[in-house]
Amino acid sequence: MLLRTPLLSLLFLTMLGGCSPSPLKLSAPPGQYQASDLGTPSETATIALKMSITAFDKDAQWPPAAYVGFYQGTNRNKSVQFMIVRNKQTDNYMVAGYRVIEEGQQTKIVSLENIELKKPVDISMSFSKGTVTLSFNHGQPIEVHTNLTVVTPYASVSSGTAEFDNRT
């Protein structure tokens, strides 16, 4: 089940000078996810935000995770995602990394670093001409070459609650 949250009001408030919108908060029950588009399909896109998992589902059919990234136009089966995930309930850390999804299948996954539970992370991502450039906690940029052409930026969460704050 996919739950969607429109962000038109968030985007509108972001454009107003001096206004800071509240963080986007997404929640999903065990084994489900909730996603929200952060913009419209475009040939270039940028995301810069702080994200954290604030609550972990204890009966998760899927591990609790928060994602931010780009998907191809309107096709969520092709995407590049930065993610933080708690793989096991007994883990006292989360794993930060990124993955590439093609035709609904994970074709590449890279773990970058273990981080403290509930610790916010800074992420910046940009897309242009098939290349996604991402930086995690202001580290060295990583380039991911894809066959994406027009992307929609989005955020999502599975089996828990996450916050996405554009005030990095």
C-alpha atoms as a PDB file:
ATOM      1  CA  MET A   1       0.000   0.000   0.000  1.00  0.00           C
ATOM      2  CA  LEU A   2       1.424   3.372  -1.007  1.00  0.00           C
ATOM      3  CA  LEU A   3       0.357   6.430   0.942  1.00  0.00           C
ATOM      4  CA  ARG A   4       1.145   9.811  -0.662  1.00  0.00           C
ATOM      5  CA  THR A   5       1.392  13.230   0.952  1.00  0.00           C
ATOM      6  CA  PRO A   6       1.203  16.265  -1.353  1.00  0.00           C
ATOM      7  CA  LEU A   7       3.865  18.867  -0.662  1.00  0.00           C
ATOM      8  CA  LEU A   8       2.481  21.846  -2.550  1.00  0.00           C
ATOM      9  CA  SER A   9       2.024  23.844   0.647  1.00  0.00           C
ATOM     10  CA  LEU A  10       5.546  22.907   1.810  1.00  0.00           C
ATOM     11  CA  LEU A  11       7.016  24.003  -1.519  1.00  0.00           C
ATOM     12  CA  PHE A  12       4.963  27.213  -1.469  1.00  0.00           C
ATOM     13  CA  LEU A  13       6.135  28.091   2.053  1.00  0.00           C
ATOM     14  CA  THR A  14       9.729  27.378   1.085  1.00  0.00           C
ATOM     15  CA  MET A  15       9.483  29.996  -1.665  1.00  0.00           C
ATOM     16  CA  LEU A  16       8.256  32.689   0.746  1.00  0.00           C
ATOM     17  CA  GLY A  17      11.087  34.771   2.158  1.00  0.00           C
ATOM     18  CA  GLY A  18      11.560  34.413   5.905  1.00  0.00           C
ATOM     19  CA  CYS A  19       9.235  31.432   6.252  1.00  0.00           C
ATOM     20  CA  SER A  20      10.558  28.077   7.368  1.00  0.00           C
ATOM     21  CA  PRO A  21       8.164  25.178   6.885  1.00  0.00           C
ATOM     22  CA  SER A  22       7.982  22.461   9.488  1.00  0.00           C
ATOM     23  CA  PRO A  23       9.892  19.290   8.712  1.00  0.00           C
ATOM     24  CA  LEU A  24       8.092  16.731   6.558  1.00  0.00           C
ATOM     25  CA  LYS A  25       7.119  13.789   8.757  1.00  0.00           C
ATOM     26  CA  LEU A  26       6.240  10.452   7.161  1.00  0.00           C
ATOM     27  CA  SER A  27       5.031   7.306   8.941  1.00  0.00           C
ATOM     28  CA  ALA A  28       4.350   3.792   7.686  1.00  0.00           C
ATOM     29  CA  PRO A  29       3.028   0.698   9.434  1.00  0.00           C
ATOM     30  CA  PRO A  30       4.946  -2.622   9.397  1.00  0.00           C
ATOM     31  CA  GLY A  31       5.698  -3.909   5.922  1.00  0.00           C
ATOM     32  CA  GLN A  32       4.465  -0.750   4.192  1.00  0.00           C
ATOM     33  CA  TYR A  33       5.888   2.552   3.049  1.00  0.00           C
ATOM     34  CA  GLN A  34       4.757   6.122   2.671  1.00  0.00           C
ATOM     35  CA  ALA A  35       6.227   8.410   0.023  1.00  0.00           C
ATOM     36  CA  SER A  36       5.953  12.072  -0.845  1.00  0.00           C
ATOM     37  CA  ASP A  37       7.135  13.834  -3.969  1.00  0.00           C
ATOM     38  CA  LEU A  38       9.398  16.809  -3.275  1.00  0.00           C
ATOM     39  CA  GLY A  39       8.942  18.355  -6.719  1.00  0.00           C
ATOM     40  CA  THR A  40       7.781  17.710 -10.259  1.00  0.00           C
ATOM     41  CA  PRO A  41       9.500  15.765 -13.073  1.00  0.00           C
ATOM     42  CA  SER A  42      12.485  17.688 -14.459  1.00  0.00           C
ATOM     43  CA  GLU A  43      15.701  17.226 -16.445  1.00  0.00           C
ATOM     44  CA  THR A  44      17.663  18.649 -13.483  1.00  0.00           C
ATOM     45  CA  ALA A  45      16.890  18.435  -9.775  1.00  0.00           C
ATOM     46  CA  THR A  46      18.471  19.118  -6.389  1.00  0.00           C
ATOM     47  CA  ILE A  47      17.704  17.898  -2.874  1.00  0.00           C
ATOM     48  CA  ALA A  48      19.412  19.258   0.260  1.00  0.00           C
ATOM     49  CA  LEU A  49      18.009  18.225   3.618  1.00  0.00           C
ATOM     50  CA  LYS A  50      18.530  16.675   7.014  1.00  0.00           C
ATOM     51  CA  MET A  51      16.794  13.343   7.597  1.00  0.00           C
ATOM     52  CA  SER A  52      16.333  11.003  10.538  1.00  0.00           C
ATOM     53  CA  ILE A  53      14.313   7.997  11.596  1.00  0.00           C
ATOM     54  CA  THR A  54      12.472   9.062  14.732  1.00  0.00           C
ATOM     55  CA  ALA A  55      10.541   5.848  15.471  1.00  0.00           C
ATOM     56  CA  PHE A  56      11.245   2.220  14.583  1.00  0.00           C
ATOM     57  CA  ASP A  57       8.435  -0.279  14.127  1.00  0.00           C
ATOM     58  CA  LYS A  58       9.087  -3.223  16.447  1.00  0.00           C
ATOM     59  CA  ASP A  59       7.073  -5.718  14.391  1.00  0.00           C
ATOM     60  CA  ALA A  60       8.499  -4.693  11.038  1.00  0.00           C
ATOM     61  CA  GLN A  61       8.106  -7.053   8.108  1.00  0.00           C
ATOM     62  CA  TRP A  62      10.607  -4.773   6.372  1.00  0.00           C
ATOM     63  CA  PRO A  63      13.450  -3.084   8.231  1.00  0.00           C
ATOM     64  CA  PRO A  64      12.696   0.509   9.257  1.00  0.00           C
ATOM     65  CA  ALA A  65      14.277   2.824   6.694  1.00  0.00           C
ATOM     66  CA  ALA A  66      14.153   6.393   5.386  1.00  0.00           C
ATOM     67  CA  TYR A  67      14.910   7.211   1.756  1.00  0.00           C
ATOM     68  CA  VAL A  68      15.418  10.309  -0.338  1.00  0.00           C
ATOM     69  CA  GLY A  69      16.206  10.337  -4.028  1.00  0.00           C
ATOM     70  CA  PHE A  70      15.036  10.592  -7.611  1.00  0.00           C
ATOM     71  CA  TYR A  71      12.812   8.340  -9.681  1.00  0.00           C
ATOM     72  CA  GLN A  72      12.380   8.331 -13.468  1.00  0.00           C
ATOM     73  CA  GLY A  73       9.546  10.718 -14.443  1.00  0.00           C
ATOM     74  CA  THR A  74       6.462   8.973 -13.038  1.00  0.00           C
ATOM     75  CA  ASN A  75       8.026   5.477 -12.868  1.00  0.00           C
ATOM     76  CA  ARG A  76       9.033   4.557  -9.312  1.00  0.00           C
ATOM     77  CA  ASN A  77      10.571   1.300 -10.603  1.00  0.00           C
ATOM     78  CA  LYS A  78      13.665   3.207 -11.781  1.00  0.00           C
ATOM     79  CA  SER A  79      15.402   5.269  -9.111  1.00  0.00           C
ATOM     80  CA  VAL A  80      18.479   6.237  -7.146  1.00  0.00           C
ATOM     81  CA  GLN A  81      17.984   6.479  -3.375  1.00  0.00           C
ATOM     82  CA  PHE A  82      20.091   7.560  -0.427  1.00  0.00           C
ATOM     83  CA  MET A  83      18.895   5.635   2.613  1.00  0.00           C
ATOM     84  CA  ILE A  84      19.360   5.020   6.306  1.00  0.00           C
ATOM     85  CA  VAL A  85      18.191   1.644   7.563  1.00  0.00           C
ATOM     86  CA  ARG A  86      18.162  -0.343  10.785  1.00  0.00           C
ATOM     87  CA  ASN A  87      18.593  -3.888   9.511  1.00  0.00           C
ATOM     88  CA  LYS A  88      17.792  -5.744  12.764  1.00  0.00           C
ATOM     89  CA  GLN A  89      15.792  -4.731  15.830  1.00  0.00           C
ATOM     90  CA  THR A  90      18.814  -5.583  17.971  1.00  0.00           C
ATOM     91  CA  ASP A  91      21.178  -3.289  16.021  1.00  0.00           C
ATOM     92  CA  ASN A  92      22.257  -0.251  18.055  1.00  0.00           C
ATOM     93  CA  TYR A  93      23.128   1.600  14.826  1.00  0.00           C
ATOM     94  CA  MET A  94      21.746   2.348  11.371  1.00  0.00           C
ATOM     95  CA  VAL A  95      23.481   1.902   8.031  1.00  0.00           C
ATOM     96  CA  ALA A  96      23.694   4.851   5.642  1.00  0.00           C
ATOM     97  CA  GLY A  97      24.134   4.138   1.955  1.00  0.00           C
ATOM     98  CA  TYR A  98      22.609   4.362  -1.481  1.00  0.00           C
ATOM     99  CA  ARG A  99      21.062   2.047  -4.026  1.00  0.00           C
ATOM    100  CA  VAL A 100      20.024   1.937  -7.652  1.00  0.00           C
ATOM    101  CA  ILE A 101      16.682   0.418  -8.672  1.00  0.00           C
ATOM    102  CA  GLU A 102      16.124  -0.663 -12.288  1.00  0.00           C
ATOM    103  CA  GLU A 103      12.861  -2.234 -13.463  1.00  0.00           C
ATOM    104  CA  GLY A 104      11.849  -2.624  -9.818  1.00  0.00           C
ATOM    105  CA  GLN A 105      14.989  -4.588  -8.919  1.00  0.00           C
ATOM    106  CA  GLN A 106      17.871  -3.423  -6.751  1.00  0.00           C
ATOM    107  CA  THR A 107      20.918  -3.517  -9.065  1.00  0.00           C
ATOM    108  CA  LYS A 108      23.470  -1.740  -6.887  1.00  0.00           C
ATOM    109  CA  ILE A 109      23.719  -1.125  -3.164  1.00  0.00           C
ATOM    110  CA  VAL A 110      26.571   0.634  -1.379  1.00  0.00           C
ATOM    111  CA  SER A 111      26.947   0.964   2.399  1.00  0.00           C
ATOM    112  CA  LEU A 112      28.743   4.173   3.333  1.00  0.00           C
ATOM    113  CA  GLU A 113      28.839   4.291   7.119  1.00  0.00           C
ATOM    114  CA  ASN A 114      27.223   3.084  10.343  1.00  0.00           C
ATOM    115  CA  ILE A 115      25.541   5.884  12.281  1.00  0.00           C
ATOM    116  CA  GLU A 116      23.928   6.261  15.699  1.00  0.00           C
ATOM    117  CA  LEU A 117      20.250   5.393  16.075  1.00  0.00           C
ATOM    118  CA  LYS A 118      17.968   8.388  15.440  1.00  0.00           C
ATOM    119  CA  LYS A 119      20.939  10.613  14.554  1.00  0.00           C
ATOM    120  CA  PRO A 120      20.037  13.104  11.795  1.00  0.00           C
ATOM    121  CA  VAL A 121      22.149  13.005   8.646  1.00  0.00           C
ATOM    122  CA  ASP A 122      22.729  15.733   6.074  1.00  0.00           C
ATOM    123  CA  ILE A 123      22.243  14.697   2.482  1.00  0.00           C
ATOM    124  CA  SER A 124      22.563  16.618  -0.742  1.00  0.00           C
ATOM    125  CA  MET A 125      21.759  15.128  -4.119  1.00  0.00           C
ATOM    126  CA  SER A 126      21.632  16.571  -7.597  1.00  0.00           C
ATOM    127  CA  PHE A 127      20.651  15.138 -10.972  1.00  0.00           C
ATOM    128  CA  SER A 128      21.708  16.242 -14.433  1.00  0.00           C
ATOM    129  CA  LYS A 129      22.163  14.361 -17.717  1.00  0.00           C
ATOM    130  CA  GLY A 130      21.871  10.900 -16.194  1.00  0.00           C
ATOM    131  CA  THR A 131      24.286  11.516 -13.318  1.00  0.00           C
ATOM    132  CA  VAL A 132      23.259  11.648  -9.670  1.00  0.00           C
ATOM    133  CA  THR A 133      25.788  13.339  -7.391  1.00  0.00           C
ATOM    134  CA  LEU A 134      25.300  12.761  -3.676  1.00  0.00           C
ATOM    135  CA  SER A 135      27.077  13.915  -0.554  1.00  0.00           C
ATOM    136  CA  PHE A 136      26.450  12.459   2.892  1.00  0.00           C
ATOM    137  CA  ASN A 137      27.214  14.568   5.998  1.00  0.00           C
ATOM    138  CA  HIS A 138      29.147  17.062   3.845  1.00  0.00           C
ATOM    139  CA  GLY A 139      31.601  14.356   2.714  1.00  0.00           C
ATOM    140  CA  GLN A 140      33.193  13.835  -0.680  1.00  0.00           C
ATOM    141  CA  PRO A 141      30.692  13.845  -3.561  1.00  0.00           C
ATOM    142  CA  ILE A 142      29.824  10.452  -5.050  1.00  0.00           C
ATOM    143  CA  GLU A 143      28.725  10.204  -8.688  1.00  0.00           C
ATOM    144  CA  VAL A 144      26.260   7.538  -9.767  1.00  0.00           C
ATOM    145  CA  HIS A 145      25.791   7.197 -13.534  1.00  0.00           C
ATOM    146  CA  THR A 146      22.294   6.094 -14.542  1.00  0.00           C
ATOM    147  CA  ASN A 147      20.001   5.850 -17.538  1.00  0.00           C
ATOM    148  CA  LEU A 148      17.534   8.281 -15.893  1.00  0.00           C
ATOM    149  CA  THR A 149      16.533  11.222 -18.094  1.00  0.00           C
ATOM    150  CA  VAL A 150      13.750  13.131 -16.308  1.00  0.00           C
ATOM    151  CA  VAL A 151      13.436  12.705 -12.541  1.00  0.00           C
ATOM    152  CA  THR A 152      11.047  13.423  -9.703  1.00  0.00           C
ATOM    153  CA  PRO A 153      12.627  14.085  -6.282  1.00  0.00           C
ATOM    154  CA  TYR A 154      10.955  12.307  -3.366  1.00  0.00           C
ATOM    155  CA  ALA A 155      11.242  11.116   0.227  1.00  0.00           C
ATOM    156  CA  SER A 156       9.846   7.939   1.766  1.00  0.00           C
ATOM    157  CA  VAL A 157       9.840   5.791   4.886  1.00  0.00           C
ATOM    158  CA  SER A 158       9.144   2.124   5.564  1.00  0.00           C
ATOM    159  CA  SER A 159       8.137   0.461   8.832  1.00  0.00           C
ATOM    160  CA  GLY A 160       8.579   3.503  11.038  1.00  0.00           C
ATOM    161  CA  THR A 161       8.551   7.298  11.194  1.00  0.00           C
ATOM    162  CA  ALA A 162      11.061   9.676   9.618  1.00  0.00           C
ATOM    163  CA  GLU A 163      11.542  13.435   9.403  1.00  0.00           C
ATOM    164  CA  PHE A 164      12.941  15.324   6.428  1.00  0.00           C
ATOM    165  CA  ASP A 165      13.971  18.928   7.089  1.00  0.00           C
ATOM    166  CA  ASN A 166      15.173  21.186   4.280  1.00  0.00           C
ATOM    167  CA  ARG A 167      17.010  23.389   6.791  1.00  0.00           C
ATOM    168  CA  THR A 168      20.455  21.712   6.685  1.00  0.00           C
END
